[in-house]
Each structure stands twice: as structure tokens, then as C-alpha cells.
Amino acid sequence: MKIYVTRKLADDLLQILKEKFEVEINVRDEAPSKEEIIEKVRDKDGIICLLTDKIDKDVIDAGKNLKVISNCAAGYDNVDVEYATKKKIMVTNTPGVLTEAVAELTIGMIIAIARRFIEADKLSREGRFKGWDLYFMLGTELNGKTLGIIGAGKIGSSVAKKAKCLGMNVIYYSRNKKEELEKIGIHFKPLDELLRISDFVSIHTPLTKETYHLIGERELNLMKKEAFLINTARGAVIDEKALIKALKEKRIKGAALDVYEKEPYIPEELRKLENVLLLPHIGSATWLTRYKMMKLAVENLIDALSGKIPRFLVNKEVLK
């Protein structure tokens, strides 16, 4: 069988694939174009791709022999799962292994935006530190502040527990109440109420039709003027234009973003703002987590092409 891998993998994992399949891999340090992916999948039985690879109807139609799309990411909004299912193609993902890495980054972003780390670093490097002063670089303490979690899945729940250890009052909004969180004093709130009372709002929901632009102008207007918005989920959960406007008009105090609507593009208006922390989608960027993601993607693909049910099969309907 033949497979296409859109990015370089760890050497040991690539060797495992080469022992079982005829492997073609993109060895460049850049994403393949859609046209390139279409060309490469024409004779392939499987593909290992990243969330930046758009696996849409055009790609799926080109892959006449495709049996599995193994997405090396927890989310899979880059794949047209519904169409893949119609074509009887398995779609898999790599959840769970990046929970703690993303949760830790989220806490770091909350602290960094609250205590103005980026501004302080820039000031220090530019030689503008002239000595200590009572009113110098004042920030916001986390202890006693309210953190609102939107999306209390594995990552959101982990962030909630970590924030509670920092002395924060934590609340959450999710499709269902989470008994595990309720038992430790982290309580459910309707979205509008969460936005009104939170000092920090952190997004951890997947991108779906329902969550697209979940946070827009109306929702931003509900937030406190002293509140911060943090997003490590998917960029399109926030209406980016509405956020830029809110930041410019200082209707919220600031934002910390690791994801964007049209990655890797970051609007110039957003890049010019000083009350926003911008990271290049590094939520899962630890050696251990990325290796685990690659390993799961490889295992999912091997299972699918070996006649087994992959451990993390997204579209179970395909089995019918």
C-alpha cells in the first residue's frame, strides 16, 4: 500500500511506516499546497496530515484509493469529515496527548498578559529600565480573580484545576455540566453570565458550525473593561475583526492568542496592538507531546490499513 505524509516525522516512526508501506513524504520545512496534496494522494491508500492541511472535497475526490486520513492533531476541522464518511474513508485524530501541554501554555499566557511580561521584556531590552518605582509596570494579580472557561473538555478542565490552585475563582460554560469540576467548587454558568463576571475568559472549545464566531461583538461587549480574553483553541471561534475593534477601543483590557482565523496569517492591525500577546500556535509544542501526536497518527494509519478499527476513529459511522 502507498501513503503520503505531509510533514517530516520522527526517524523511528518513519522507519516503521517504511517497513509496512511505500512512503512518500514532504521533507520541506513548509506546508504543501493544496494542489500538491491533490497530486500526491491520487494513488495513495492513506495520508498523514496536519491541521494546516485542508483535506476538503477536492482532495478526497482526488484520492481514489484513500482508505484513511490520519490527522496529526486533536482537532479535525481541516478535514471534511462528512464527505470522507460518504466516501467510506476513515478519519482519525490524536486527542488526549496534548492536554497538559496546552493547559500549561494557557496558564502561562494568562500570567504573561496579566503581568505584562512582553512589555517588560521589550522595555528591559531597549534600555528603558531606569529603576524601581511604586507605579512602574503595574499589572493584574490572579489570586482572587475569576477565570471563565468556555469548553470544559480535557484541556479546559485541566486549565480550570490549575487556575484554582493559583487561588482563582473558576467557572465554566460547556454543553453539559461536569460533575468532576462541580465536586471541587468549579461551577457551570450560562455563557452570557460567565462573560459578564469573568476577569479572564479562556476558550477551549472545538471549532464547529455552532462555535464559529461564538465570541463576536455582542459577547465582547458583555465582558468587563478590565477583562482579558485568551484563546488556545481555534482562531475562528472568535470574530477576529470584532476582537481587533474591541481591543482598539479598549472595551476589554487585553487578549492573549495562540490561534488565528486564517493561519498562518495574522492581521497587521492585530500585530500593531500593544494590549495583545501573540503566539505562533505553539500550544502542543513540547518534544514529548509532538512525538506522542506523531506516534498516534502513525498507529491510527497502520490500524486502518491493516483492517483494524483505529483507536481514535472520528467518523465511526464509516464502520456501518
Protein backbone atom coordinates (compact mmCIF):
# COMPACT_ATOMS: atom_id res chain seq x y z
CA MET A 1 0.00 0.00 0.00
CA LYS A 2 1.06 3.58 -0.62
CA ILE A 3 0.87 6.50 1.81
CA TYR A 4 1.64 10.21 1.72
CA VAL A 5 2.95 12.13 4.74
CA THR A 6 2.64 15.92 4.51
CA ARG A 7 5.47 16.69 7.00
CA LYS A 8 8.64 15.14 8.37
CA LEU A 9 8.14 12.57 11.15
CA ALA A 10 10.48 11.27 13.84
CA ASP A 11 13.01 8.91 12.23
CA ASP A 12 11.93 5.83 14.20
CA LEU A 13 8.27 6.35 13.30
CA LEU A 14 9.10 6.93 9.64
CA GLN A 15 11.10 3.71 9.63
CA ILE A 16 8.08 1.79 10.98
CA LEU A 17 5.97 3.14 8.12
CA LYS A 18 8.63 2.30 5.52
CA GLU A 19 8.72 -1.31 6.72
CA LYS A 20 4.99 -1.66 6.02
CA PHE A 21 4.19 0.71 3.16
CA GLU A 22 5.53 2.57 0.17
CA VAL A 23 6.01 6.01 1.71
CA GLU A 24 6.19 9.40 0.05
CA ILE A 25 6.91 12.30 2.40
CA ASN A 26 7.19 16.06 2.11
CA VAL A 27 10.66 16.78 3.53
CA ARG A 28 10.47 20.56 3.12
CA ASP A 29 10.04 22.82 6.15
CA GLU A 30 6.86 24.25 4.74
CA ALA A 31 3.32 23.05 4.17
CA PRO A 32 2.48 21.52 0.80
CA SER A 33 -0.01 23.46 -1.30
CA LYS A 34 -3.50 22.11 -1.86
CA GLU A 35 -2.55 21.39 -5.46
CA GLU A 36 0.47 19.39 -4.30
CA ILE A 37 -1.61 17.35 -1.86
CA ILE A 38 -4.16 16.62 -4.60
CA GLU A 39 -1.37 15.38 -6.89
CA LYS A 40 0.26 13.25 -4.19
CA VAL A 41 -2.91 11.46 -2.99
CA ARG A 42 -4.04 10.28 -6.43
CA ASP A 43 -2.55 6.79 -5.97
CA LYS A 44 -2.35 6.68 -2.16
CA ASP A 45 -4.19 4.40 0.28
CA GLY A 46 -3.59 6.67 3.27
CA ILE A 47 -2.42 10.13 4.25
CA ILE A 48 -0.94 11.55 7.45
CA CYS A 49 -1.65 15.28 7.58
CA LEU A 50 -1.60 18.26 9.91
CA LEU A 51 -4.32 20.71 10.91
CA THR A 52 -2.84 23.23 8.45
CA ASP A 53 -3.55 20.86 5.54
CA LYS A 54 -7.00 21.42 4.06
CA ILE A 55 -8.39 17.99 3.27
CA ASP A 56 -11.57 19.03 1.52
CA LYS A 57 -13.85 17.55 -1.15
CA ASP A 58 -11.31 18.24 -3.92
CA VAL A 59 -8.53 16.36 -2.11
CA ILE A 60 -10.81 13.48 -1.14
CA ASP A 61 -12.11 13.11 -4.71
CA ALA A 62 -8.53 13.05 -5.99
CA GLY A 63 -7.62 10.21 -3.64
CA LYS A 64 -9.46 7.44 -5.45
CA ASN A 65 -7.80 4.75 -3.30
CA LEU A 66 -7.89 6.62 0.03
CA LYS A 67 -8.94 4.47 2.96
CA VAL A 68 -7.74 6.63 5.86
CA ILE A 69 -7.00 10.29 6.62
CA SER A 70 -4.83 10.31 9.75
CA ASN A 71 -4.85 13.84 11.15
CA CYS A 72 -1.91 14.61 13.43
CA ALA A 73 -3.92 16.93 15.68
CA ALA A 74 -6.65 16.73 18.29
CA GLY A 75 -8.98 18.91 16.22
CA TYR A 76 -10.07 17.91 12.74
CA ASP A 77 -11.88 20.96 11.37
CA ASN A 78 -9.39 20.93 8.50
CA VAL A 79 -10.94 17.70 7.21
CA ASP A 80 -14.33 17.40 5.52
CA VAL A 81 -15.32 14.50 7.76
CA GLU A 82 -18.88 14.29 6.41
CA TYR A 83 -17.69 13.90 2.83
CA ALA A 84 -14.96 11.45 3.83
CA THR A 85 -17.60 9.33 5.55
CA LYS A 86 -19.74 9.32 2.40
CA LYS A 87 -16.68 8.05 0.54
CA LYS A 88 -16.15 5.36 3.23
CA ILE A 89 -12.81 6.86 4.27
CA MET A 90 -11.75 6.67 7.91
CA VAL A 91 -10.74 9.91 9.62
CA THR A 92 -8.61 9.72 12.77
CA ASN A 93 -7.11 12.23 15.20
CA THR A 94 -4.67 12.41 18.12
CA PRO A 95 -6.54 13.60 21.24
CA GLY A 96 -5.51 13.42 24.87
CA VAL A 97 -1.74 13.55 24.49
CA LEU A 98 -1.60 17.35 24.19
CA THR A 99 -3.89 18.15 27.13
CA GLU A 100 -1.26 19.16 29.68
CA ALA A 101 1.00 20.97 27.21
CA VAL A 102 -1.85 23.22 26.03
CA ALA A 103 -3.18 23.71 29.57
CA GLU A 104 0.27 24.76 30.81
CA LEU A 105 0.68 27.19 27.93
CA THR A 106 -2.75 28.68 28.68
CA ILE A 107 -1.81 29.35 32.30
CA GLY A 108 1.46 30.87 31.12
CA MET A 109 -0.39 33.15 28.71
CA ILE A 110 -2.79 34.26 31.45
CA ILE A 111 0.11 35.18 33.73
CA ALA A 112 2.07 36.83 30.89
CA ILE A 113 -0.79 39.07 29.76
CA ALA A 114 -1.81 39.93 33.33
CA ARG A 115 1.71 40.82 34.48
CA ARG A 116 2.77 42.42 31.17
CA PHE A 117 5.76 40.13 30.52
CA ILE A 118 6.15 41.07 26.86
CA GLU A 119 6.08 44.82 27.54
CA ALA A 120 8.52 44.40 30.42
CA ASP A 121 10.92 42.30 28.34
CA LYS A 122 10.86 44.85 25.50
CA LEU A 123 11.42 47.75 27.91
CA SER A 124 14.37 45.95 29.50
CA ARG A 125 15.99 45.09 26.17
CA GLU A 126 15.63 48.66 24.92
CA GLY A 127 17.46 50.07 27.95
CA ARG A 128 14.40 51.90 29.27
CA PHE A 129 14.56 50.38 32.76
CA LYS A 130 15.57 53.38 34.91
CA GLY A 131 14.98 51.86 38.34
CA TRP A 132 12.20 50.67 40.61
CA ASP A 133 9.15 52.86 41.20
CA LEU A 134 5.82 52.41 43.02
CA TYR A 135 3.83 52.92 39.82
CA PHE A 136 6.17 51.11 37.45
CA MET A 137 4.77 48.34 35.18
CA LEU A 138 1.67 47.66 37.26
CA GLY A 139 -0.22 44.53 36.29
CA THR A 140 -3.09 42.35 37.49
CA GLU A 141 -2.86 39.66 40.19
CA LEU A 142 -4.57 36.32 39.55
CA ASN A 143 -5.33 35.46 43.16
CA GLY A 144 -9.00 36.11 43.86
CA LYS A 145 -9.83 36.88 40.23
CA THR A 146 -12.48 34.97 38.26
CA LEU A 147 -11.50 32.78 35.32
CA GLY A 148 -14.27 31.75 32.93
CA ILE A 149 -13.59 28.60 30.91
CA ILE A 150 -15.50 28.19 27.65
CA GLY A 151 -15.42 24.49 26.77
CA ALA A 152 -14.73 22.17 29.70
CA GLY A 153 -13.31 19.19 27.85
CA LYS A 154 -9.97 17.66 28.85
CA ILE A 155 -7.92 20.80 28.18
CA GLY A 156 -10.45 23.24 29.63
CA SER A 157 -10.84 21.09 32.74
CA SER A 158 -7.08 20.87 33.21
CA VAL A 159 -6.77 24.68 32.92
CA ALA A 160 -9.62 25.08 35.44
CA LYS A 161 -7.90 22.86 38.02
CA LYS A 162 -4.53 24.56 37.58
CA ALA A 163 -6.09 28.01 37.89
CA LYS A 164 -7.89 27.01 41.08
CA CYS A 165 -4.50 26.08 42.58
CA LEU A 166 -3.40 29.67 41.84
CA GLY A 167 -6.21 30.99 44.02
CA MET A 168 -8.55 31.92 41.20
CA ASN A 169 -12.31 31.60 41.34
CA VAL A 170 -13.08 29.35 38.36
CA ILE A 171 -16.36 28.95 36.48
CA TYR A 172 -17.14 27.22 33.21
CA TYR A 173 -19.56 27.04 30.29
CA SER A 174 -19.98 23.76 28.43
CA ARG A 175 -22.68 21.76 26.66
CA ASN A 176 -23.06 19.63 29.78
CA LYS A 177 -22.31 20.10 33.45
CA LYS A 178 -19.07 18.42 34.53
CA GLU A 179 -19.53 16.56 37.81
CA GLU A 180 -15.76 16.25 38.25
CA LEU A 181 -15.47 20.05 38.29
CA GLU A 182 -18.63 20.69 40.29
CA LYS A 183 -17.30 18.48 43.10
CA ILE A 184 -14.24 20.72 43.56
CA GLY A 185 -16.14 24.01 43.51
CA ILE A 186 -15.83 24.87 39.83
CA HIS A 187 -19.37 25.66 38.74
CA PHE A 188 -21.33 25.90 35.50
CA LYS A 189 -22.57 29.31 34.34
CA PRO A 190 -24.55 30.31 31.23
CA LEU A 191 -22.26 31.87 28.61
CA ASP A 192 -23.55 35.44 28.94
CA GLU A 193 -23.23 35.37 32.72
CA LEU A 194 -19.74 33.91 32.50
CA LEU A 195 -18.68 36.71 30.16
CA ARG A 196 -20.13 39.40 32.44
CA ILE A 197 -18.45 38.29 35.67
CA SER A 198 -15.08 36.89 34.50
CA ASP A 199 -11.80 38.79 34.80
CA PHE A 200 -10.22 36.31 32.39
CA VAL A 201 -12.04 34.29 29.72
CA SER A 202 -10.23 31.30 28.22
CA ILE A 203 -11.54 29.43 25.17
CA HIS A 204 -11.18 25.64 24.88
CA THR A 205 -13.99 24.60 22.58
CA PRO A 206 -13.54 22.81 19.23
CA LEU A 207 -14.40 24.66 16.04
CA THR A 208 -17.80 23.55 14.74
CA LYS A 209 -20.70 25.18 12.92
CA GLU A 210 -22.11 26.04 16.34
CA THR A 211 -18.91 27.56 17.74
CA TYR A 212 -17.83 29.53 14.65
CA HIS A 213 -17.61 33.19 15.81
CA LEU A 214 -19.05 32.17 19.17
CA ILE A 215 -17.33 35.25 20.56
CA GLY A 216 -18.34 38.27 18.48
CA GLU A 217 -19.09 41.93 19.07
CA ARG A 218 -22.12 41.23 21.30
CA GLU A 219 -20.19 38.83 23.51
CA LEU A 220 -17.16 41.13 23.75
CA ASN A 221 -19.44 43.96 24.84
CA LEU A 222 -20.65 41.79 27.72
CA MET A 223 -17.13 41.45 29.13
CA LYS A 224 -15.66 43.73 31.78
CA LYS A 225 -13.47 46.59 30.57
CA GLU A 226 -10.70 45.20 32.76
CA ALA A 227 -11.07 41.64 31.43
CA PHE A 228 -8.67 39.61 29.28
CA LEU A 229 -9.56 37.09 26.54
CA ILE A 230 -7.34 34.04 25.96
CA ASN A 231 -7.63 31.64 23.03
CA THR A 232 -5.64 28.42 22.55
CA ALA A 233 -8.44 26.54 20.77
CA ARG A 234 -9.21 27.60 17.19
CA GLY A 235 -8.97 31.12 15.80
CA ALA A 236 -12.38 31.18 14.14
CA VAL A 237 -14.18 30.67 17.47
CA ILE A 238 -13.56 34.43 17.84
CA ASP A 239 -14.69 37.01 15.28
CA GLU A 240 -11.21 38.44 14.73
CA LYS A 241 -12.43 41.76 13.30
CA ALA A 242 -14.72 42.29 16.30
CA LEU A 243 -11.84 41.48 18.66
CA ILE A 244 -9.50 43.97 16.94
CA LYS A 245 -12.18 46.65 17.26
CA ALA A 246 -12.74 45.84 20.95
CA LEU A 247 -9.00 45.96 21.66
CA LYS A 248 -8.56 49.23 19.77
CA GLU A 249 -11.44 50.84 21.61
CA LYS A 250 -10.21 49.31 24.91
CA ARG A 251 -13.60 47.74 25.55
CA ILE A 252 -11.59 44.88 27.05
CA LYS A 253 -8.18 45.25 28.64
CA GLY A 254 -6.30 42.77 26.50
CA ALA A 255 -6.06 39.41 24.77
CA ALA A 256 -3.61 36.53 24.51
CA LEU A 257 -3.85 34.47 21.33
CA ASP A 258 -2.14 31.30 20.14
CA VAL A 259 -4.52 30.73 17.21
CA TYR A 260 -5.97 32.85 14.40
CA GLU A 261 -8.84 32.80 11.93
CA LYS A 262 -6.73 32.36 8.79
CA GLU A 263 -3.48 30.83 9.99
CA PRO A 264 -0.66 31.49 9.46
CA TYR A 265 -1.91 34.96 8.52
CA ILE A 266 -2.15 37.40 11.41
CA PRO A 267 -3.81 40.73 10.53
CA GLU A 268 -1.45 43.72 10.59
CA GLU A 269 -3.94 45.62 12.77
CA LEU A 270 -3.68 42.87 15.38
CA ARG A 271 0.12 42.80 15.21
CA LYS A 272 0.32 46.56 15.86
CA LEU A 273 -1.74 46.47 19.05
CA GLU A 274 0.15 46.62 22.35
CA ASN A 275 -2.61 45.13 24.51
CA VAL A 276 -2.41 41.70 22.90
CA LEU A 277 0.01 38.78 23.31
CA LEU A 278 0.54 36.87 20.04
CA LEU A 279 2.00 33.36 19.86
CA PRO A 280 2.53 31.22 16.71
CA HIS A 281 0.22 28.27 17.56
CA ILE A 282 2.61 26.57 19.99
CA GLY A 283 0.04 25.03 22.36
CA SER A 284 1.32 21.48 21.81
CA ALA A 285 4.92 22.50 21.13
CA THR A 286 6.87 20.31 23.52
CA TRP A 287 9.15 17.48 22.35
CA LEU A 288 7.20 14.85 24.27
CA THR A 289 3.75 15.97 23.15
CA ARG A 290 4.63 16.33 19.48
CA TYR A 291 6.25 12.87 19.46
CA LYS A 292 3.16 11.35 21.06
CA MET A 293 0.98 13.03 18.44
CA MET A 294 3.10 11.66 15.59
CA LYS A 295 3.10 8.19 17.16
CA LEU A 296 -0.69 8.16 17.48
CA ALA A 297 -1.11 9.34 13.89
CA VAL A 298 1.14 6.52 12.69
CA GLU A 299 -0.67 3.93 14.83
CA ASN A 300 -4.07 5.11 13.61
CA LEU A 301 -2.98 4.82 9.98
CA ILE A 302 -1.41 1.37 10.43
CA ASP A 303 -4.54 0.05 12.15
CA ALA A 304 -6.83 1.41 9.45
CA LEU A 305 -4.76 -0.10 6.63
CA SER A 306 -4.39 -3.39 8.49
CA GLY A 307 -8.11 -3.97 8.74
CA LYS A 308 -8.36 -2.94 12.38
CA ILE A 309 -10.51 -0.20 13.94
CA PRO A 310 -8.18 2.72 14.76
CA ARG A 311 -8.04 3.73 18.41
CA PHE A 312 -9.10 7.29 17.64
CA LEU A 313 -11.59 6.97 14.82
CA VAL A 314 -13.52 10.22 14.40
CA ASN A 315 -16.24 9.05 11.98
CA LYS A 316 -17.44 5.78 13.49
CA GLU A 317 -20.37 5.90 11.05
CA VAL A 318 -17.99 4.69 8.37
CA LEU A 319 -17.95 1.26 10.06
CA LYS A 320 -21.59 0.74 9.17
